[in-house]
Amino acid sequence: MPVFGTLQANFSLNFLAILPMAKILGSITEELADSVGETLGGLLNASFGISESHDAVTLG
């Protein structure tokens, strides 16, 4: 089963690569939310949250 080991390693490395990006996007959206207001900030958080999930599925 060498294919399963390769897929598992690929998934693990991609998952680890996404973590810093998620942290950076999270802190950026929090700073933007503070400056633009509660309603627009919530919309930004939701939009970038969906973007992170989409990237995780498409790239990983």
PDB file of N, CA and C in Angstrom:
ATOM      1  N   MET A   1       0.804  -1.202   0.000  1.00  0.00           N
ATOM      2  CA  MET A   1       0.000   0.000   0.000  1.00  0.00           C
ATOM      3  C   MET A   1       0.849   1.269   0.000  1.00  0.00           C
ATOM      4  N   PRO A   2       1.798   1.405  -0.862  1.00  0.00           N
ATOM      5  CA  PRO A   2       2.606   2.627  -0.870  1.00  0.00           C
ATOM      6  C   PRO A   2       1.815   3.861  -1.303  1.00  0.00           C
ATOM      7  N   VAL A   3       0.742   3.668  -2.057  1.00  0.00           N
ATOM      8  CA  VAL A   3      -0.050   4.817  -2.502  1.00  0.00           C
ATOM      9  C   VAL A   3      -0.724   5.481  -1.318  1.00  0.00           C
ATOM     10  N   PHE A   4      -1.263   4.685  -0.393  1.00  0.00           N
ATOM     11  CA  PHE A   4      -1.939   5.259   0.767  1.00  0.00           C
ATOM     12  C   PHE A   4      -0.966   6.074   1.610  1.00  0.00           C
ATOM     13  N   GLY A   5       0.237   5.589   1.793  1.00  0.00           N
ATOM     14  CA  GLY A   5       1.230   6.343   2.550  1.00  0.00           C
ATOM     15  C   GLY A   5       1.585   7.658   1.882  1.00  0.00           C
ATOM     16  N   THR A   6       1.666   7.642   0.564  1.00  0.00           N
ATOM     17  CA  THR A   6       1.964   8.863  -0.180  1.00  0.00           C
ATOM     18  C   THR A   6       0.830   9.863  -0.061  1.00  0.00           C
ATOM     19  N   LEU A   7      -0.410   9.392  -0.176  1.00  0.00           N
ATOM     20  CA  LEU A   7      -1.566  10.280  -0.050  1.00  0.00           C
ATOM     21  C   LEU A   7      -1.662  10.857   1.354  1.00  0.00           C
ATOM     22  N   GLN A   8      -1.371  10.035   2.335  1.00  0.00           N
ATOM     23  CA  GLN A   8      -1.425  10.499   3.725  1.00  0.00           C
ATOM     24  C   GLN A   8      -0.349  11.565   3.973  1.00  0.00           C
ATOM     25  N   ALA A   9       0.831  11.357   3.456  1.00  0.00           N
ATOM     26  CA  ALA A   9       1.898  12.351   3.607  1.00  0.00           C
ATOM     27  C   ALA A   9       1.546  13.635   2.868  1.00  0.00           C
ATOM     28  N   ASN A  10       0.973  13.511   1.688  1.00  0.00           N
ATOM     29  CA  ASN A  10       0.571  14.680   0.907  1.00  0.00           C
ATOM     30  C   ASN A  10      -0.479  15.491   1.667  1.00  0.00           C
ATOM     31  N   PHE A  11      -1.475  14.809   2.211  1.00  0.00           N
ATOM     32  CA  PHE A  11      -2.509  15.498   2.981  1.00  0.00           C
ATOM     33  C   PHE A  11      -1.903  16.199   4.189  1.00  0.00           C
ATOM     34  N   SER A  12      -1.044  15.523   4.905  1.00  0.00           N
ATOM     35  CA  SER A  12      -0.450  16.093   6.118  1.00  0.00           C
ATOM     36  C   SER A  12       0.386  17.332   5.810  1.00  0.00           C
ATOM     37  N   LEU A  13       1.188  17.265   4.774  1.00  0.00           N
ATOM     38  CA  LEU A  13       2.016  18.418   4.413  1.00  0.00           C
ATOM     39  C   LEU A  13       1.169  19.596   3.939  1.00  0.00           C
ATOM     40  N   ASN A  14       0.124  19.326   3.168  1.00  0.00           N
ATOM     41  CA  ASN A  14      -0.761  20.405   2.724  1.00  0.00           C
ATOM     42  C   ASN A  14      -1.500  21.025   3.897  1.00  0.00           C
ATOM     43  N   PHE A  15      -1.920  20.206   4.840  1.00  0.00           N
ATOM     44  CA  PHE A  15      -2.608  20.714   6.022  1.00  0.00           C
ATOM     45  C   PHE A  15      -1.686  21.635   6.818  1.00  0.00           C
ATOM     46  N   LEU A  16      -0.448  21.223   6.994  1.00  0.00           N
ATOM     47  CA  LEU A  16       0.512  22.053   7.728  1.00  0.00           C
ATOM     48  C   LEU A  16       0.821  23.353   6.990  1.00  0.00           C
ATOM     49  N   ALA A  17       0.785  23.328   5.670  1.00  0.00           N
ATOM     50  CA  ALA A  17       1.057  24.540   4.893  1.00  0.00           C
ATOM     51  C   ALA A  17      -0.086  25.543   4.987  1.00  0.00           C
ATOM     52  N   ILE A  18      -1.307  25.069   5.196  1.00  0.00           N
ATOM     53  CA  ILE A  18      -2.474  25.950   5.247  1.00  0.00           C
ATOM     54  C   ILE A  18      -2.570  26.672   6.591  1.00  0.00           C
ATOM     55  N   LEU A  19      -2.067  26.096   7.652  1.00  0.00           N
ATOM     56  CA  LEU A  19      -2.209  26.686   8.988  1.00  0.00           C
ATOM     57  C   LEU A  19      -1.667  28.110   9.095  1.00  0.00           C
ATOM     58  N   PRO A  20      -0.453  28.407   8.640  1.00  0.00           N
ATOM     59  CA  PRO A  20       0.022  29.798   8.741  1.00  0.00           C
ATOM     60  C   PRO A  20      -0.826  30.773   7.926  1.00  0.00           C
ATOM     61  N   MET A  21      -1.290  30.331   6.752  1.00  0.00           N
ATOM     62  CA  MET A  21      -2.124  31.199   5.933  1.00  0.00           C
ATOM     63  C   MET A  21      -3.436  31.524   6.645  1.00  0.00           C
ATOM     64  N   ALA A  22      -4.026  30.545   7.292  1.00  0.00           N
ATOM     65  CA  ALA A  22      -5.277  30.771   8.008  1.00  0.00           C
ATOM     66  C   ALA A  22      -5.072  31.739   9.164  1.00  0.00           C
ATOM     67  N   LYS A  23      -3.956  31.612   9.857  1.00  0.00           N
ATOM     68  CA  LYS A  23      -3.679  32.515  10.974  1.00  0.00           C
ATOM     69  C   LYS A  23      -3.482  33.948  10.482  1.00  0.00           C
ATOM     70  N   ILE A  24      -2.751  34.111   9.402  1.00  0.00           N
ATOM     71  CA  ILE A  24      -2.508  35.451   8.852  1.00  0.00           C
ATOM     72  C   ILE A  24      -3.817  36.080   8.373  1.00  0.00           C
ATOM     73  N   LEU A  25      -4.610  35.321   7.613  1.00  0.00           N
ATOM     74  CA  LEU A  25      -5.886  35.860   7.134  1.00  0.00           C
ATOM     75  C   LEU A  25      -6.823  36.181   8.288  1.00  0.00           C
ATOM     76  N   GLY A  26      -6.804  35.355   9.329  1.00  0.00           N
ATOM     77  CA  GLY A  26      -7.649  35.616  10.491  1.00  0.00           C
ATOM     78  C   GLY A  26      -7.284  36.910  11.190  1.00  0.00           C
ATOM     79  N   SER A  27      -6.007  37.147  11.378  1.00  0.00           N
ATOM     80  CA  SER A  27      -5.596  38.382  12.056  1.00  0.00           C
ATOM     81  C   SER A  27      -5.840  39.612  11.184  1.00  0.00           C
ATOM     82  N   ILE A  28      -5.665  39.472   9.877  1.00  0.00           N
ATOM     83  CA  ILE A  28      -5.939  40.598   8.975  1.00  0.00           C
ATOM     84  C   ILE A  28      -7.417  40.955   8.990  1.00  0.00           C
ATOM     85  N   THR A  29      -8.284  39.952   8.929  1.00  0.00           N
ATOM     86  CA  THR A  29      -9.717  40.247   8.922  1.00  0.00           C
ATOM     87  C   THR A  29     -10.176  40.827  10.251  1.00  0.00           C
ATOM     88  N   GLU A  30      -9.561  40.409  11.355  1.00  0.00           N
ATOM     89  CA  GLU A  30      -9.909  41.002  12.650  1.00  0.00           C
ATOM     90  C   GLU A  30      -9.532  42.479  12.693  1.00  0.00           C
ATOM     91  N   GLU A  31      -8.356  42.813  12.178  1.00  0.00           N
ATOM     92  CA  GLU A  31      -7.945  44.221  12.146  1.00  0.00           C
ATOM     93  C   GLU A  31      -8.854  45.044  11.234  1.00  0.00           C
ATOM     94  N   LEU A  32      -9.212  44.487  10.092  1.00  0.00           N
ATOM     95  CA  LEU A  32     -10.130  45.186   9.191  1.00  0.00           C
ATOM     96  C   LEU A  32     -11.503  45.354   9.832  1.00  0.00           C
ATOM     97  N   ALA A  33     -11.959  44.325  10.532  1.00  0.00           N
ATOM     98  CA  ALA A  33     -13.271  44.395  11.179  1.00  0.00           C
ATOM     99  C   ALA A  33     -13.297  45.492  12.231  1.00  0.00           C
ATOM    100  N   ASP A  34     -12.205  45.688  12.936  1.00  0.00           N
ATOM    101  CA  ASP A  34     -12.145  46.755  13.943  1.00  0.00           C
ATOM    102  C   ASP A  34     -12.251  48.134  13.305  1.00  0.00           C
ATOM    103  N   SER A  35     -11.712  48.284  12.111  1.00  0.00           N
ATOM    104  CA  SER A  35     -11.699  49.612  11.498  1.00  0.00           C
ATOM    105  C   SER A  35     -12.940  49.916  10.663  1.00  0.00           C
ATOM    106  N   VAL A  36     -13.646  48.903  10.167  1.00  0.00           N
ATOM    107  CA  VAL A  36     -14.788  49.175   9.289  1.00  0.00           C
ATOM    108  C   VAL A  36     -16.137  49.042   9.978  1.00  0.00           C
ATOM    109  N   GLY A  37     -16.166  48.519  11.175  1.00  0.00           N
ATOM    110  CA  GLY A  37     -17.433  48.388  11.879  1.00  0.00           C
ATOM    111  C   GLY A  37     -17.860  46.936  12.016  1.00  0.00           C
ATOM    112  N   GLU A  38     -18.856  46.740  12.876  1.00  0.00           N
ATOM    113  CA  GLU A  38     -19.261  45.387  13.243  1.00  0.00           C
ATOM    114  C   GLU A  38     -19.920  44.631  12.084  1.00  0.00           C
ATOM    115  N   THR A  39     -20.824  45.278  11.371  1.00  0.00           N
ATOM    116  CA  THR A  39     -21.556  44.590  10.303  1.00  0.00           C
ATOM    117  C   THR A  39     -20.648  44.222   9.137  1.00  0.00           C
ATOM    118  N   LEU A  40     -19.928  45.188   8.623  1.00  0.00           N
ATOM    119  CA  LEU A  40     -19.027  44.918   7.503  1.00  0.00           C
ATOM    120  C   LEU A  40     -17.881  43.996   7.934  1.00  0.00           C
ATOM    121  N   GLY A  41     -17.439  44.126   9.177  1.00  0.00           N
ATOM    122  CA  GLY A  41     -16.396  43.244   9.692  1.00  0.00           C
ATOM    123  C   GLY A  41     -16.846  41.798   9.746  1.00  0.00           C
ATOM    124  N   GLY A  42     -18.096  41.579  10.158  1.00  0.00           N
ATOM    125  CA  GLY A  42     -18.639  40.219  10.162  1.00  0.00           C
ATOM    126  C   GLY A  42     -18.728  39.641   8.767  1.00  0.00           C
ATOM    127  N   LEU A  43     -19.106  40.486   7.814  1.00  0.00           N
ATOM    128  CA  LEU A  43     -19.170  40.048   6.421  1.00  0.00           C
ATOM    129  C   LEU A  43     -17.778  39.687   5.899  1.00  0.00           C
ATOM    130  N   LEU A  44     -16.786  40.487   6.255  1.00  0.00           N
ATOM    131  CA  LEU A  44     -15.405  40.182   5.845  1.00  0.00           C
ATOM    132  C   LEU A  44     -14.924  38.871   6.460  1.00  0.00           C
ATOM    133  N   ASN A  45     -15.202  38.671   7.746  1.00  0.00           N
ATOM    134  CA  ASN A  45     -14.795  37.427   8.403  1.00  0.00           C
ATOM    135  C   ASN A  45     -15.440  36.218   7.739  1.00  0.00           C
ATOM    136  N   ALA A  46     -16.722  36.333   7.415  1.00  0.00           N
ATOM    137  CA  ALA A  46     -17.407  35.219   6.760  1.00  0.00           C
ATOM    138  C   ALA A  46     -16.835  34.969   5.368  1.00  0.00           C
ATOM    139  N   SER A  47     -16.580  36.031   4.625  1.00  0.00           N
ATOM    140  CA  SER A  47     -16.059  35.879   3.261  1.00  0.00           C
ATOM    141  C   SER A  47     -14.675  35.248   3.253  1.00  0.00           C
ATOM    142  N   PHE A  48     -13.792  35.733   4.108  1.00  0.00           N
ATOM    143  CA  PHE A  48     -12.444  35.171   4.135  1.00  0.00           C
ATOM    144  C   PHE A  48     -12.428  33.777   4.745  1.00  0.00           C
ATOM    145  N   GLY A  49     -13.364  33.488   5.640  1.00  0.00           N
ATOM    146  CA  GLY A  49     -13.470  32.130   6.171  1.00  0.00           C
ATOM    147  C   GLY A  49     -13.845  31.143   5.087  1.00  0.00           C
ATOM    148  N   ILE A  50     -14.771  31.548   4.222  1.00  0.00           N
ATOM    149  CA  ILE A  50     -15.160  30.698   3.100  1.00  0.00           C
ATOM    150  C   ILE A  50     -13.990  30.560   2.129  1.00  0.00           C
ATOM    151  N   SER A  51     -13.246  31.631   1.934  1.00  0.00           N
ATOM    152  CA  SER A  51     -12.093  31.594   1.034  1.00  0.00           C
ATOM    153  C   SER A  51     -11.042  30.602   1.529  1.00  0.00           C
ATOM    154  N   GLU A  52     -10.784  30.599   2.830  1.00  0.00           N
ATOM    155  CA  GLU A  52      -9.811  29.654   3.393  1.00  0.00           C
ATOM    156  C   GLU A  52     -10.272  28.221   3.195  1.00  0.00           C
ATOM    157  N   SER A  53     -11.560  27.965   3.423  1.00  0.00           N
ATOM    158  CA  SER A  53     -12.083  26.616   3.239  1.00  0.00           C
ATOM    159  C   SER A  53     -11.989  26.197   1.780  1.00  0.00           C
ATOM    160  N   HIS A  54     -12.297  27.114   0.885  1.00  0.00           N
ATOM    161  CA  HIS A  54     -12.223  26.812  -0.544  1.00  0.00           C
ATOM    162  C   HIS A  54     -10.789  26.492  -0.954  1.00  0.00           C
ATOM    163  N   ASP A  55      -9.837  27.266  -0.459  1.00  0.00           N
ATOM    164  CA  ASP A  55      -8.430  27.001  -0.773  1.00  0.00           C
ATOM    165  C   ASP A  55      -7.992  25.653  -0.222  1.00  0.00           C
ATOM    166  N   ALA A  56      -8.455  25.325   0.969  1.00  0.00           N
ATOM    167  CA  ALA A  56      -8.068  24.052   1.574  1.00  0.00           C
ATOM    168  C   ALA A  56      -8.573  22.882   0.744  1.00  0.00           C
ATOM    169  N   VAL A  57      -9.788  23.003   0.239  1.00  0.00           N
ATOM    170  CA  VAL A  57     -10.356  21.915  -0.554  1.00  0.00           C
ATOM    171  C   VAL A  57      -9.718  21.854  -1.938  1.00  0.00           C
ATOM    172  N   THR A  58      -9.518  23.005  -2.558  1.00  0.00           N
ATOM    173  CA  THR A  58      -8.999  23.007  -3.931  1.00  0.00           C
ATOM    174  C   THR A  58      -7.515  22.685  -3.984  1.00  0.00           C
ATOM    175  N   LEU A  59      -6.751  23.281  -3.095  1.00  0.00           N
ATOM    176  CA  LEU A  59      -5.301  23.089  -3.145  1.00  0.00           C
ATOM    177  C   LEU A  59      -4.855  21.830  -2.417  1.00  0.00           C
ATOM    178  N   GLY A  60      -5.567  21.457  -1.384  1.00  0.00           N
ATOM    179  CA  GLY A  60      -5.138  20.325  -0.569  1.00  0.00           C
ATOM    180  C   GLY A  60      -5.756  19.086  -1.035  1.00  0.00           C
TER     181      GLY A  60
END
